[in-house]
PDB file of N, CA and C in Angstrom:
ATOM      1  N   MET A   1     -41.987  15.654 -54.650  1.00  0.00           N
ATOM      2  CA  MET A   1     -42.428  16.474 -53.900  1.00  0.00           C
ATOM      3  C   MET A   1     -42.397  17.496 -53.360  1.00  0.00           C
ATOM      4  N   SER A   2     -43.068  18.484 -53.556  1.00  0.00           N
ATOM      5  CA  SER A   2     -42.709  19.708 -53.696  1.00  0.00           C
ATOM      6  C   SER A   2     -42.950  20.098 -51.923  1.00  0.00           C
ATOM      7  N   ALA A   3     -42.289  21.397 -51.850  1.00  0.00           N
ATOM      8  CA  ALA A   3     -41.639  21.779 -49.894  1.00  0.00           C
ATOM      9  C   ALA A   3     -42.574  23.087 -50.890  1.00  0.00           C
ATOM     10  N   HIS A   4     -43.758  23.703 -49.624  1.00  0.00           N
ATOM     11  CA  HIS A   4     -43.919  24.615 -49.657  1.00  0.00           C
ATOM     12  C   HIS A   4     -44.242  25.224 -48.189  1.00  0.00           C
ATOM     13  N   PRO A   5     -43.671  26.616 -48.223  1.00  0.00           N
ATOM     14  CA  PRO A   5     -43.896  27.069 -46.442  1.00  0.00           C
ATOM     15  C   PRO A   5     -45.577  26.858 -45.879  1.00  0.00           C
ATOM     16  N   ALA A   6     -45.374  26.609 -44.707  1.00  0.00           N
ATOM     17  CA  ALA A   6     -46.329  26.661 -43.684  1.00  0.00           C
ATOM     18  C   ALA A   6     -47.064  27.630 -43.372  1.00  0.00           C
ATOM     19  N   HIS A   7     -48.181  28.245 -44.036  1.00  0.00           N
ATOM     20  CA  HIS A   7     -49.067  29.933 -43.513  1.00  0.00           C
ATOM     21  C   HIS A   7     -49.851  29.170 -42.636  1.00  0.00           C
ATOM     22  N   HIS A   8     -49.365  30.436 -41.328  1.00  0.00           N
ATOM     23  CA  HIS A   8     -49.888  30.463 -40.178  1.00  0.00           C
ATOM     24  C   HIS A   8     -50.176  31.569 -40.024  1.00  0.00           C
ATOM     25  N   ASP A   9     -50.989  32.381 -40.167  1.00  0.00           N
ATOM     26  CA  ASP A   9     -51.763  33.767 -39.483  1.00  0.00           C
ATOM     27  C   ASP A   9     -51.207  33.741 -38.291  1.00  0.00           C
ATOM     28  N   ALA A  10     -50.679  35.022 -37.843  1.00  0.00           N
ATOM     29  CA  ALA A  10     -50.571  35.343 -36.403  1.00  0.00           C
ATOM     30  C   ALA A  10     -51.815  36.067 -36.301  1.00  0.00           C
ATOM     31  N   PRO A  11     -52.378  35.476 -34.891  1.00  0.00           N
ATOM     32  CA  PRO A  11     -53.158  35.037 -34.019  1.00  0.00           C
ATOM     33  C   PRO A  11     -53.540  37.117 -33.932  1.00  0.00           C
ATOM     34  N   ARG A  12     -55.640  36.889 -33.722  1.00  0.00           N
ATOM     35  CA  ARG A  12     -55.745  38.795 -33.602  1.00  0.00           C
ATOM     36  C   ARG A  12     -55.681  38.981 -32.597  1.00  0.00           C
ATOM     37  N   TRP A  13     -55.038  39.509 -31.010  1.00  0.00           N
ATOM     38  CA  TRP A  13     -55.237  39.740 -29.970  1.00  0.00           C
ATOM     39  C   TRP A  13     -56.558  40.600 -30.007  1.00  0.00           C
ATOM     40  N   TRP A  14     -56.849  40.330 -28.798  1.00  0.00           N
ATOM     41  CA  TRP A  14     -58.325  41.899 -28.354  1.00  0.00           C
ATOM     42  C   TRP A  14     -58.497  41.687 -26.898  1.00  0.00           C
ATOM     43  N   ARG A  15     -58.402  43.011 -26.382  1.00  0.00           N
ATOM     44  CA  ARG A  15     -58.608  43.520 -24.844  1.00  0.00           C
ATOM     45  C   ARG A  15     -60.214  42.995 -24.648  1.00  0.00           C
ATOM     46  N   SER A  16     -60.434  42.832 -23.226  1.00  0.00           N
ATOM     47  CA  SER A  16     -61.747  43.479 -22.689  1.00  0.00           C
ATOM     48  C   SER A  16     -62.337  45.311 -23.635  1.00  0.00           C
ATOM     49  N   SER A  17     -63.841  45.261 -23.332  1.00  0.00           N
ATOM     50  CA  SER A  17     -64.267  46.579 -23.962  1.00  0.00           C
ATOM     51  C   SER A  17     -63.887  47.408 -22.084  1.00  0.00           C
ATOM     52  N   ARG A  18     -63.673  46.538 -21.028  1.00  0.00           N
ATOM     53  CA  ARG A  18     -63.868  46.935 -20.010  1.00  0.00           C
ATOM     54  C   ARG A  18     -62.505  47.608 -19.723  1.00  0.00           C
ATOM     55  N   SER A  19     -61.359  47.148 -20.010  1.00  0.00           N
ATOM     56  CA  SER A  19     -59.958  47.395 -20.214  1.00  0.00           C
ATOM     57  C   SER A  19     -59.655  49.030 -19.589  1.00  0.00           C
ATOM     58  N   VAL A  20     -58.587  49.834 -19.122  1.00  0.00           N
ATOM     59  CA  VAL A  20     -58.564  50.603 -18.986  1.00  0.00           C
ATOM     60  C   VAL A  20     -57.460  51.586 -19.961  1.00  0.00           C
ATOM     61  N   GLY A  21     -56.703  50.892 -20.458  1.00  0.00           N
ATOM     62  CA  GLY A  21     -55.563  50.578 -21.367  1.00  0.00           C
ATOM     63  C   GLY A  21     -54.789  51.396 -20.308  1.00  0.00           C
ATOM     64  N   MET A  22     -54.087  50.406 -19.260  1.00  0.00           N
ATOM     65  CA  MET A  22     -53.265  51.167 -18.749  1.00  0.00           C
ATOM     66  C   MET A  22     -52.043  50.099 -18.236  1.00  0.00           C
ATOM     67  N   ASN A  23     -52.785  48.687 -19.398  1.00  0.00           N
ATOM     68  CA  ASN A  23     -51.831  47.744 -19.550  1.00  0.00           C
ATOM     69  C   ASN A  23     -51.455  46.315 -18.929  1.00  0.00           C
ATOM     70  N   ASN A  24     -52.529  46.354 -17.881  1.00  0.00           N
ATOM     71  CA  ASN A  24     -52.313  45.699 -16.814  1.00  0.00           C
ATOM     72  C   ASN A  24     -53.813  44.433 -17.483  1.00  0.00           C
ATOM     73  N   CYS A  25     -53.838  43.457 -18.656  1.00  0.00           N
ATOM     74  CA  CYS A  25     -54.699  43.255 -18.873  1.00  0.00           C
ATOM     75  C   CYS A  25     -54.989  41.958 -19.161  1.00  0.00           C
ATOM     76  N   VAL A  26     -55.951  41.095 -19.593  1.00  0.00           N
ATOM     77  CA  VAL A  26     -55.550  40.018 -20.727  1.00  0.00           C
ATOM     78  C   VAL A  26     -56.421  40.116 -21.604  1.00  0.00           C
ATOM     79  N   GLU A  27     -55.056  39.646 -22.755  1.00  0.00           N
ATOM     80  CA  GLU A  27     -55.487  39.532 -24.170  1.00  0.00           C
ATOM     81  C   GLU A  27     -56.051  38.137 -24.296  1.00  0.00           C
ATOM     82  N   ALA A  28     -56.803  37.923 -25.394  1.00  0.00           N
ATOM     83  CA  ALA A  28     -57.457  36.664 -26.430  1.00  0.00           C
ATOM     84  C   ALA A  28     -57.014  36.904 -27.615  1.00  0.00           C
ATOM     85  N   ALA A  29     -56.770  35.295 -28.152  1.00  0.00           N
ATOM     86  CA  ALA A  29     -56.865  35.461 -29.239  1.00  0.00           C
ATOM     87  C   ALA A  29     -57.506  34.172 -29.912  1.00  0.00           C
ATOM     88  N   ARG A  30     -58.523  33.890 -30.980  1.00  0.00           N
ATOM     89  CA  ARG A  30     -59.530  32.667 -31.197  1.00  0.00           C
ATOM     90  C   ARG A  30     -57.913  32.023 -31.995  1.00  0.00           C
ATOM     91  N   LEU A  31     -57.816  30.773 -31.783  1.00  0.00           N
ATOM     92  CA  LEU A  31     -56.808  29.582 -32.609  1.00  0.00           C
ATOM     93  C   LEU A  31     -57.722  28.714 -33.209  1.00  0.00           C
ATOM     94  N   GLY A  32     -58.379  29.158 -34.640  1.00  0.00           N
ATOM     95  CA  GLY A  32     -59.288  28.174 -35.238  1.00  0.00           C
ATOM     96  C   GLY A  32     -60.859  28.403 -34.374  1.00  0.00           C
ATOM     97  N   THR A  33     -61.390  27.590 -34.874  1.00  0.00           N
ATOM     98  CA  THR A  33     -62.946  27.403 -34.662  1.00  0.00           C
ATOM     99  C   THR A  33     -62.964  26.695 -32.954  1.00  0.00           C
ATOM    100  N   ALA A  34     -62.734  26.464 -32.627  1.00  0.00           N
ATOM    101  CA  ALA A  34     -62.235  25.768 -31.165  1.00  0.00           C
ATOM    102  C   ALA A  34     -61.833  25.630 -30.117  1.00  0.00           C
ATOM    103  N   ARG A  35     -60.535  27.158 -30.270  1.00  0.00           N
ATOM    104  CA  ARG A  35     -59.918  26.930 -29.236  1.00  0.00           C
ATOM    105  C   ARG A  35     -59.278  29.043 -29.234  1.00  0.00           C
ATOM    106  N   LEU A  36     -59.047  29.171 -28.060  1.00  0.00           N
ATOM    107  CA  LEU A  36     -58.351  29.864 -27.669  1.00  0.00           C
ATOM    108  C   LEU A  36     -57.033  29.904 -26.882  1.00  0.00           C
ATOM    109  N   ALA A  37     -56.358  31.261 -27.161  1.00  0.00           N
ATOM    110  CA  ALA A  37     -55.178  31.862 -26.158  1.00  0.00           C
ATOM    111  C   ALA A  37     -55.489  32.865 -25.595  1.00  0.00           C
ATOM    112  N   VAL A  38     -54.288  32.595 -24.205  1.00  0.00           N
ATOM    113  CA  VAL A  38     -54.767  34.001 -24.054  1.00  0.00           C
ATOM    114  C   VAL A  38     -53.837  34.084 -22.409  1.00  0.00           C
ATOM    115  N   ARG A  39     -53.538  35.897 -23.023  1.00  0.00           N
ATOM    116  CA  ARG A  39     -52.064  35.875 -22.083  1.00  0.00           C
ATOM    117  C   ARG A  39     -52.055  37.438 -21.460  1.00  0.00           C
ATOM    118  N   ASP A  40     -50.887  37.585 -20.927  1.00  0.00           N
ATOM    119  CA  ASP A  40     -50.946  39.171 -20.287  1.00  0.00           C
ATOM    120  C   ASP A  40     -50.342  39.530 -20.791  1.00  0.00           C
ATOM    121  N   SER A  41     -51.184  41.401 -21.514  1.00  0.00           N
ATOM    122  CA  SER A  41     -50.194  41.868 -22.331  1.00  0.00           C
ATOM    123  C   SER A  41     -49.332  42.677 -21.763  1.00  0.00           C
ATOM    124  N   LYS A  42     -48.966  42.964 -20.412  1.00  0.00           N
ATOM    125  CA  LYS A  42     -47.433  42.725 -19.913  1.00  0.00           C
ATOM    126  C   LYS A  42     -46.399  41.819 -20.291  1.00  0.00           C
ATOM    127  N   ASP A  43     -46.821  41.300 -20.519  1.00  0.00           N
ATOM    128  CA  ASP A  43     -45.411  39.976 -20.961  1.00  0.00           C
ATOM    129  C   ASP A  43     -46.212  39.164 -22.225  1.00  0.00           C
ATOM    130  N   THR A  44     -45.608  39.677 -23.311  1.00  0.00           N
ATOM    131  CA  THR A  44     -46.472  39.204 -24.344  1.00  0.00           C
ATOM    132  C   THR A  44     -45.117  38.232 -25.397  1.00  0.00           C
ATOM    133  N   ALA A  45     -44.215  38.368 -24.489  1.00  0.00           N
ATOM    134  CA  ALA A  45     -42.857  37.649 -25.182  1.00  0.00           C
ATOM    135  C   ALA A  45     -43.388  35.798 -24.537  1.00  0.00           C
ATOM    136  N   ARG A  46     -44.089  35.613 -23.517  1.00  0.00           N
ATOM    137  CA  ARG A  46     -44.487  34.204 -23.164  1.00  0.00           C
ATOM    138  C   ARG A  46     -45.184  34.277 -24.045  1.00  0.00           C
ATOM    139  N   PRO A  47     -45.460  32.321 -23.568  1.00  0.00           N
ATOM    140  CA  PRO A  47     -46.414  31.674 -24.756  1.00  0.00           C
ATOM    141  C   PRO A  47     -47.590  32.049 -23.806  1.00  0.00           C
ATOM    142  N   PRO A  48     -49.011  31.716 -24.606  1.00  0.00           N
ATOM    143  CA  PRO A  48     -49.961  31.892 -23.942  1.00  0.00           C
ATOM    144  C   PRO A  48     -50.686  30.922 -23.323  1.00  0.00           C
ATOM    145  N   LEU A  49     -52.019  30.887 -22.321  1.00  0.00           N
ATOM    146  CA  LEU A  49     -52.523  29.847 -22.320  1.00  0.00           C
ATOM    147  C   LEU A  49     -53.053  29.539 -23.279  1.00  0.00           C
ATOM    148  N   ARG A  50     -53.703  28.298 -23.899  1.00  0.00           N
ATOM    149  CA  ARG A  50     -54.183  27.737 -24.286  1.00  0.00           C
ATOM    150  C   ARG A  50     -55.440  27.210 -24.630  1.00  0.00           C
ATOM    151  N   PHE A  51     -56.724  27.254 -24.182  1.00  0.00           N
ATOM    152  CA  PHE A  51     -58.190  26.591 -23.886  1.00  0.00           C
ATOM    153  C   PHE A  51     -59.333  26.160 -25.130  1.00  0.00           C
ATOM    154  N   SER A  52     -59.878  25.221 -24.436  1.00  0.00           N
ATOM    155  CA  SER A  52     -60.938  24.954 -25.734  1.00  0.00           C
ATOM    156  C   SER A  52     -61.810  25.729 -25.582  1.00  0.00           C
ATOM    157  N   ALA A  53     -62.638  26.089 -26.576  1.00  0.00           N
ATOM    158  CA  ALA A  53     -63.509  27.266 -26.431  1.00  0.00           C
ATOM    159  C   ALA A  53     -64.543  26.779 -25.524  1.00  0.00           C
ATOM    160  N   ALA A  54     -64.968  25.154 -24.935  1.00  0.00           N
ATOM    161  CA  ALA A  54     -66.292  24.875 -24.111  1.00  0.00           C
ATOM    162  C   ALA A  54     -64.846  24.987 -22.803  1.00  0.00           C
ATOM    163  N   ALA A  55     -63.952  25.346 -22.242  1.00  0.00           N
ATOM    164  CA  ALA A  55     -63.377  25.492 -21.052  1.00  0.00           C
ATOM    165  C   ALA A  55     -63.819  26.871 -20.701  1.00  0.00           C
ATOM    166  N   TRP A  56     -62.978  27.357 -22.107  1.00  0.00           N
ATOM    167  CA  TRP A  56     -63.168  29.100 -21.547  1.00  0.00           C
ATOM    168  C   TRP A  56     -64.690  29.694 -21.139  1.00  0.00           C
ATOM    169  N   THR A  57     -65.543  29.452 -21.837  1.00  0.00           N
ATOM    170  CA  THR A  57     -66.507  29.919 -21.713  1.00  0.00           C
ATOM    171  C   THR A  57     -67.513  29.467 -20.554  1.00  0.00           C
ATOM    172  N   SER A  58     -66.708  28.358 -20.072  1.00  0.00           N
ATOM    173  CA  SER A  58     -67.285  27.927 -18.571  1.00  0.00           C
ATOM    174  C   SER A  58     -66.506  28.422 -17.740  1.00  0.00           C
ATOM    175  N   PHE A  59     -65.169  28.884 -17.470  1.00  0.00           N
ATOM    176  CA  PHE A  59     -64.258  29.814 -17.084  1.00  0.00           C
ATOM    177  C   PHE A  59     -65.058  31.121 -16.696  1.00  0.00           C
ATOM    178  N   VAL A  60     -65.643  31.696 -18.195  1.00  0.00           N
ATOM    179  CA  VAL A  60     -65.921  33.105 -17.784  1.00  0.00           C
ATOM    180  C   VAL A  60     -67.434  33.054 -17.145  1.00  0.00           C
ATOM    181  N   SER A  61     -68.230  31.947 -17.706  1.00  0.00           N
ATOM    182  CA  SER A  61     -69.648  31.390 -16.973  1.00  0.00           C
ATOM    183  C   SER A  61     -69.241  31.773 -14.802  1.00  0.00           C
ATOM    184  N   SER A  62     -68.193  31.481 -15.002  1.00  0.00           N
ATOM    185  CA  SER A  62     -68.277  30.624 -13.809  1.00  0.00           C
ATOM    186  C   SER A  62     -67.594  31.890 -13.128  1.00  0.00           C
ATOM    187  N   LEU A  63     -66.976  32.656 -13.879  1.00  0.00           N
ATOM    188  CA  LEU A  63     -66.704  34.172 -13.079  1.00  0.00           C
ATOM    189  C   LEU A  63     -68.085  35.217 -12.874  1.00  0.00           C
ATOM    190  N   ARG A  64     -68.618  34.803 -13.771  1.00  0.00           N
ATOM    191  CA  ARG A  64     -69.735  35.991 -13.687  1.00  0.00           C
ATOM    192  C   ARG A  64     -70.916  35.610 -12.695  1.00  0.00           C
ATOM    193  N   GLN A  65     -70.828  34.137 -11.806  1.00  0.00           N
ATOM    194  CA  GLN A  65     -71.688  33.848 -11.160  1.00  0.00           C
ATOM    195  C   GLN A  65     -70.943  34.276  -9.462  1.00  0.00           C
ATOM    196  N   VAL A  66     -69.654  34.786  -9.339  1.00  0.00           N
ATOM    197  CA  VAL A  66     -69.264  35.005  -8.285  1.00  0.00           C
ATOM    198  C   VAL A  66     -69.149  35.921  -7.889  1.00  0.00           C
ATOM    199  N   SER A  67     -69.385  36.932  -9.007  1.00  0.00           N
ATOM    200  CA  SER A  67     -69.444  38.532  -8.998  1.00  0.00           C
ATOM    201  C   SER A  67     -70.812  39.137  -8.800  1.00  0.00           C
TER     202      SER A  67
END
């Protein structure tokens, strides 16, 4: 059995188009097709929160209903 290093692409983080660039944003990254990671742009060294795509969509939809 030969050992092959695991290949993991780094997440591609993005910010909302409504971000004003003051580095006080939430950033998100896709983790495959069914997961999402979310982190604080001011503290990128902390582990991100991870959600299923369905849970994140439900959360965002509920925010839109409140505002």
